[in-house]
Amino acid sequence: MRGLIACFLACLLLSPTPPSAQEDGRQREIQLRAGVMSATFAGTIKGYQHVDYQVSAKAGQTLSVDFEASNASAYFNIMQSGADEALFDGPMNGNHFKAALPADGHYTIRVYIIRNAARRNEAAKYTLTVSVT
């Protein structure tokens, strides 16, 4: 009996995580060319997928993000590299962000679907416009 239990536990540990529990993340680095202050991105996410858009900026520069999605459960957050809390929380603050940045560094704009909709494997088409001035 112990051998059967040990075998069962080993199978559980060695089996891959079910797809519904995996996060599928993509990353895109935003590099604005000289003279170009904004860029627009379009994409689709589904379920637990997310896309991270990474931008570098200096303290005092203004970061502006506008977000439109086909699904009301799709949002974006903004995180500063090394910070414990999000600089902007989409579900709490909406689909527009504009503020002077607190420090030099890398900022991540994460597009995602909130958990209850992700569990239902909902999808969203989105457009994200990012500018740094």
C-alpha atoms as a PDB file:
ATOM      1  CA  MET A   1       0.000   0.000   0.000  1.00  0.00           C
ATOM      2  CA  ARG A   2       2.844   2.413   0.844  1.00  0.00           C
ATOM      3  CA  GLY A   3       4.406   1.698  -2.540  1.00  0.00           C
ATOM      4  CA  LEU A   4       1.136   2.536  -4.292  1.00  0.00           C
ATOM      5  CA  ILE A   5       0.813   5.829  -2.397  1.00  0.00           C
ATOM      6  CA  ALA A   6       4.463   6.704  -3.102  1.00  0.00           C
ATOM      7  CA  CYS A   7       3.947   5.942  -6.793  1.00  0.00           C
ATOM      8  CA  PHE A   8       0.799   8.097  -6.885  1.00  0.00           C
ATOM      9  CA  LEU A   9       2.566  11.032  -5.200  1.00  0.00           C
ATOM     10  CA  ALA A  10       5.546  10.728  -7.550  1.00  0.00           C
ATOM     11  CA  CYS A  11       3.198  10.817 -10.552  1.00  0.00           C
ATOM     12  CA  LEU A  12       1.549  13.967  -9.198  1.00  0.00           C
ATOM     13  CA  LEU A  13       4.888  15.681  -8.706  1.00  0.00           C
ATOM     14  CA  LEU A  14       6.208  14.721 -12.138  1.00  0.00           C
ATOM     15  CA  SER A  15       3.058  15.470 -14.122  1.00  0.00           C
ATOM     16  CA  PRO A  16       2.939  18.803 -15.967  1.00  0.00           C
ATOM     17  CA  THR A  17       0.781  21.616 -14.654  1.00  0.00           C
ATOM     18  CA  PRO A  18      -2.635  21.620 -16.313  1.00  0.00           C
ATOM     19  CA  PRO A  19      -2.941  24.212 -19.090  1.00  0.00           C
ATOM     20  CA  SER A  20      -5.656  26.127 -17.235  1.00  0.00           C
ATOM     21  CA  ALA A  21      -3.227  26.833 -14.397  1.00  0.00           C
ATOM     22  CA  GLN A  22      -0.318  27.916 -16.570  1.00  0.00           C
ATOM     23  CA  GLU A  23       0.288  31.558 -17.360  1.00  0.00           C
ATOM     24  CA  ASP A  24       1.198  32.310 -20.931  1.00  0.00           C
ATOM     25  CA  GLY A  25       3.198  35.516 -20.986  1.00  0.00           C
ATOM     26  CA  ARG A  26       4.687  37.400 -23.894  1.00  0.00           C
ATOM     27  CA  GLN A  27       7.055  40.354 -23.718  1.00  0.00           C
ATOM     28  CA  ARG A  28       7.572  43.279 -26.074  1.00  0.00           C
ATOM     29  CA  GLU A  29      10.089  46.030 -25.592  1.00  0.00           C
ATOM     30  CA  ILE A  30       8.902  49.482 -26.606  1.00  0.00           C
ATOM     31  CA  GLN A  31      11.648  51.497 -28.259  1.00  0.00           C
ATOM     32  CA  LEU A  32      10.497  54.899 -29.400  1.00  0.00           C
ATOM     33  CA  ARG A  33      12.658  56.329 -32.186  1.00  0.00           C
ATOM     34  CA  ALA A  34      14.001  59.868 -32.003  1.00  0.00           C
ATOM     35  CA  GLY A  35      11.178  62.293 -32.741  1.00  0.00           C
ATOM     36  CA  VAL A  36       8.502  59.637 -32.206  1.00  0.00           C
ATOM     37  CA  MET A  37       6.705  60.065 -28.911  1.00  0.00           C
ATOM     38  CA  SER A  38       4.053  57.350 -29.084  1.00  0.00           C
ATOM     39  CA  ALA A  39       3.360  53.882 -30.396  1.00  0.00           C
ATOM     40  CA  THR A  40       0.170  51.860 -30.770  1.00  0.00           C
ATOM     41  CA  PHE A  41      -0.014  48.100 -30.346  1.00  0.00           C
ATOM     42  CA  ALA A  42      -2.888  45.735 -31.068  1.00  0.00           C
ATOM     43  CA  GLY A  43      -3.262  42.172 -29.951  1.00  0.00           C
ATOM     44  CA  THR A  44      -5.418  39.411 -28.574  1.00  0.00           C
ATOM     45  CA  ILE A  45      -5.225  37.652 -25.227  1.00  0.00           C
ATOM     46  CA  LYS A  46      -7.195  34.674 -23.975  1.00  0.00           C
ATOM     47  CA  GLY A  47      -7.608  33.042 -20.597  1.00  0.00           C
ATOM     48  CA  TYR A  48      -4.531  33.418 -18.433  1.00  0.00           C
ATOM     49  CA  GLN A  49      -2.393  34.916 -21.201  1.00  0.00           C
ATOM     50  CA  HIS A  50      -0.785  38.293 -20.634  1.00  0.00           C
ATOM     51  CA  VAL A  51       1.483  40.593 -22.601  1.00  0.00           C
ATOM     52  CA  ASP A  52       4.173  42.733 -20.955  1.00  0.00           C
ATOM     53  CA  TYR A  53       5.169  45.910 -22.779  1.00  0.00           C
ATOM     54  CA  GLN A  54       8.429  47.260 -21.381  1.00  0.00           C
ATOM     55  CA  VAL A  55       9.509  50.865 -21.692  1.00  0.00           C
ATOM     56  CA  SER A  56      12.487  52.754 -20.278  1.00  0.00           C
ATOM     57  CA  ALA A  57      12.023  56.325 -19.109  1.00  0.00           C
ATOM     58  CA  LYS A  58      13.591  59.015 -16.949  1.00  0.00           C
ATOM     59  CA  ALA A  59      12.264  60.556 -13.742  1.00  0.00           C
ATOM     60  CA  GLY A  60       9.928  63.437 -14.529  1.00  0.00           C
ATOM     61  CA  GLN A  61       9.020  62.222 -18.011  1.00  0.00           C
ATOM     62  CA  THR A  62       5.301  61.794 -18.566  1.00  0.00           C
ATOM     63  CA  LEU A  63       4.060  58.303 -19.381  1.00  0.00           C
ATOM     64  CA  SER A  64       0.639  58.128 -20.993  1.00  0.00           C
ATOM     65  CA  VAL A  65      -1.214  54.866 -21.677  1.00  0.00           C
ATOM     66  CA  ASP A  66      -4.611  54.497 -23.333  1.00  0.00           C
ATOM     67  CA  PHE A  67      -6.275  51.088 -23.491  1.00  0.00           C
ATOM     68  CA  GLU A  68      -9.316  49.836 -25.395  1.00  0.00           C
ATOM     69  CA  ALA A  69     -10.533  46.241 -25.279  1.00  0.00           C
ATOM     70  CA  SER A  70     -13.387  44.199 -26.712  1.00  0.00           C
ATOM     71  CA  ASN A  71     -13.921  42.559 -23.308  1.00  0.00           C
ATOM     72  CA  ALA A  72     -14.727  44.609 -20.195  1.00  0.00           C
ATOM     73  CA  SER A  73     -12.673  42.111 -18.135  1.00  0.00           C
ATOM     74  CA  ALA A  74      -9.405  43.075 -19.867  1.00  0.00           C
ATOM     75  CA  TYR A  75      -7.162  45.576 -18.113  1.00  0.00           C
ATOM     76  CA  PHE A  76      -3.600  46.824 -17.816  1.00  0.00           C
ATOM     77  CA  ASN A  77      -1.333  47.489 -14.856  1.00  0.00           C
ATOM     78  CA  ILE A  78       1.904  49.469 -14.746  1.00  0.00           C
ATOM     79  CA  MET A  79       4.776  48.256 -12.586  1.00  0.00           C
ATOM     80  CA  GLN A  80       8.066  50.000 -11.924  1.00  0.00           C
ATOM     81  CA  SER A  81      11.074  47.683 -11.918  1.00  0.00           C
ATOM     82  CA  GLY A  82      11.941  46.733  -8.351  1.00  0.00           C
ATOM     83  CA  ALA A  83       8.762  48.173  -6.796  1.00  0.00           C
ATOM     84  CA  ASP A  84       6.501  46.107  -4.544  1.00  0.00           C
ATOM     85  CA  GLU A  85       3.246  47.719  -5.664  1.00  0.00           C
ATOM     86  CA  ALA A  86       1.803  48.572  -9.048  1.00  0.00           C
ATOM     87  CA  LEU A  87       2.167  52.193 -10.088  1.00  0.00           C
ATOM     88  CA  PHE A  88      -1.242  51.862 -11.778  1.00  0.00           C
ATOM     89  CA  ASP A  89      -3.947  49.242 -11.171  1.00  0.00           C
ATOM     90  CA  GLY A  90      -6.361  49.027 -14.110  1.00  0.00           C
ATOM     91  CA  PRO A  91      -9.316  47.364 -12.361  1.00  0.00           C
ATOM     92  CA  MET A  92      -9.239  50.139  -9.743  1.00  0.00           C
ATOM     93  CA  ASN A  93      -8.407  53.093 -12.020  1.00  0.00           C
ATOM     94  CA  GLY A  94      -9.759  52.459 -15.518  1.00  0.00           C
ATOM     95  CA  ASN A  95      -8.280  52.447 -19.002  1.00  0.00           C
ATOM     96  CA  HIS A  96      -6.206  55.630 -19.031  1.00  0.00           C
ATOM     97  CA  PHE A  97      -2.987  56.543 -17.231  1.00  0.00           C
ATOM     98  CA  LYS A  98      -1.027  59.779 -17.452  1.00  0.00           C
ATOM     99  CA  ALA A  99       1.538  60.878 -14.887  1.00  0.00           C
ATOM    100  CA  ALA A 100       5.090  62.056 -14.381  1.00  0.00           C
ATOM    101  CA  LEU A 101       7.309  59.091 -13.574  1.00  0.00           C
ATOM    102  CA  PRO A 102       8.886  58.950 -10.114  1.00  0.00           C
ATOM    103  CA  ALA A 103      12.296  57.534 -11.094  1.00  0.00           C
ATOM    104  CA  ASP A 104      14.608  56.549 -13.928  1.00  0.00           C
ATOM    105  CA  GLY A 105      14.149  52.951 -14.926  1.00  0.00           C
ATOM    106  CA  HIS A 106      12.147  50.277 -16.645  1.00  0.00           C
ATOM    107  CA  TYR A 107       8.368  50.215 -16.493  1.00  0.00           C
ATOM    108  CA  THR A 108       6.192  47.250 -17.444  1.00  0.00           C
ATOM    109  CA  ILE A 109       2.688  47.669 -18.830  1.00  0.00           C
ATOM    110  CA  ARG A 110       0.920  44.320 -18.383  1.00  0.00           C
ATOM    111  CA  VAL A 111      -2.219  43.597 -20.428  1.00  0.00           C
ATOM    112  CA  TYR A 112      -4.332  40.774 -19.003  1.00  0.00           C
ATOM    113  CA  ILE A 113      -7.811  39.421 -18.315  1.00  0.00           C
ATOM    114  CA  ILE A 114      -8.969  39.380 -14.694  1.00  0.00           C
ATOM    115  CA  ARG A 115      -9.026  35.998 -13.013  1.00  0.00           C
ATOM    116  CA  ASN A 116     -12.757  35.220 -13.010  1.00  0.00           C
ATOM    117  CA  ALA A 117     -12.965  35.812 -16.779  1.00  0.00           C
ATOM    118  CA  ALA A 118      -9.634  34.043 -17.384  1.00  0.00           C
ATOM    119  CA  ARG A 119     -11.005  30.931 -15.665  1.00  0.00           C
ATOM    120  CA  ARG A 120     -13.820  30.948 -18.233  1.00  0.00           C
ATOM    121  CA  ASN A 121     -11.139  31.204 -20.956  1.00  0.00           C
ATOM    122  CA  GLU A 122     -12.568  34.483 -22.245  1.00  0.00           C
ATOM    123  CA  ALA A 123     -10.699  36.395 -24.950  1.00  0.00           C
ATOM    124  CA  ALA A 124     -10.132  40.077 -25.679  1.00  0.00           C
ATOM    125  CA  LYS A 125      -8.871  42.049 -28.632  1.00  0.00           C
ATOM    126  CA  TYR A 126      -7.142  45.209 -27.488  1.00  0.00           C
ATOM    127  CA  THR A 127      -5.367  48.360 -28.576  1.00  0.00           C
ATOM    128  CA  LEU A 128      -2.712  49.950 -26.382  1.00  0.00           C
ATOM    129  CA  THR A 129      -1.266  53.394 -27.087  1.00  0.00           C
ATOM    130  CA  VAL A 130       1.854  54.358 -25.146  1.00  0.00           C
ATOM    131  CA  SER A 131       3.632  57.698 -25.162  1.00  0.00           C
ATOM    132  CA  VAL A 132       6.580  59.098 -23.242  1.00  0.00           C
ATOM    133  CA  THR A 133       7.189  62.861 -23.321  1.00  0.00           C
END
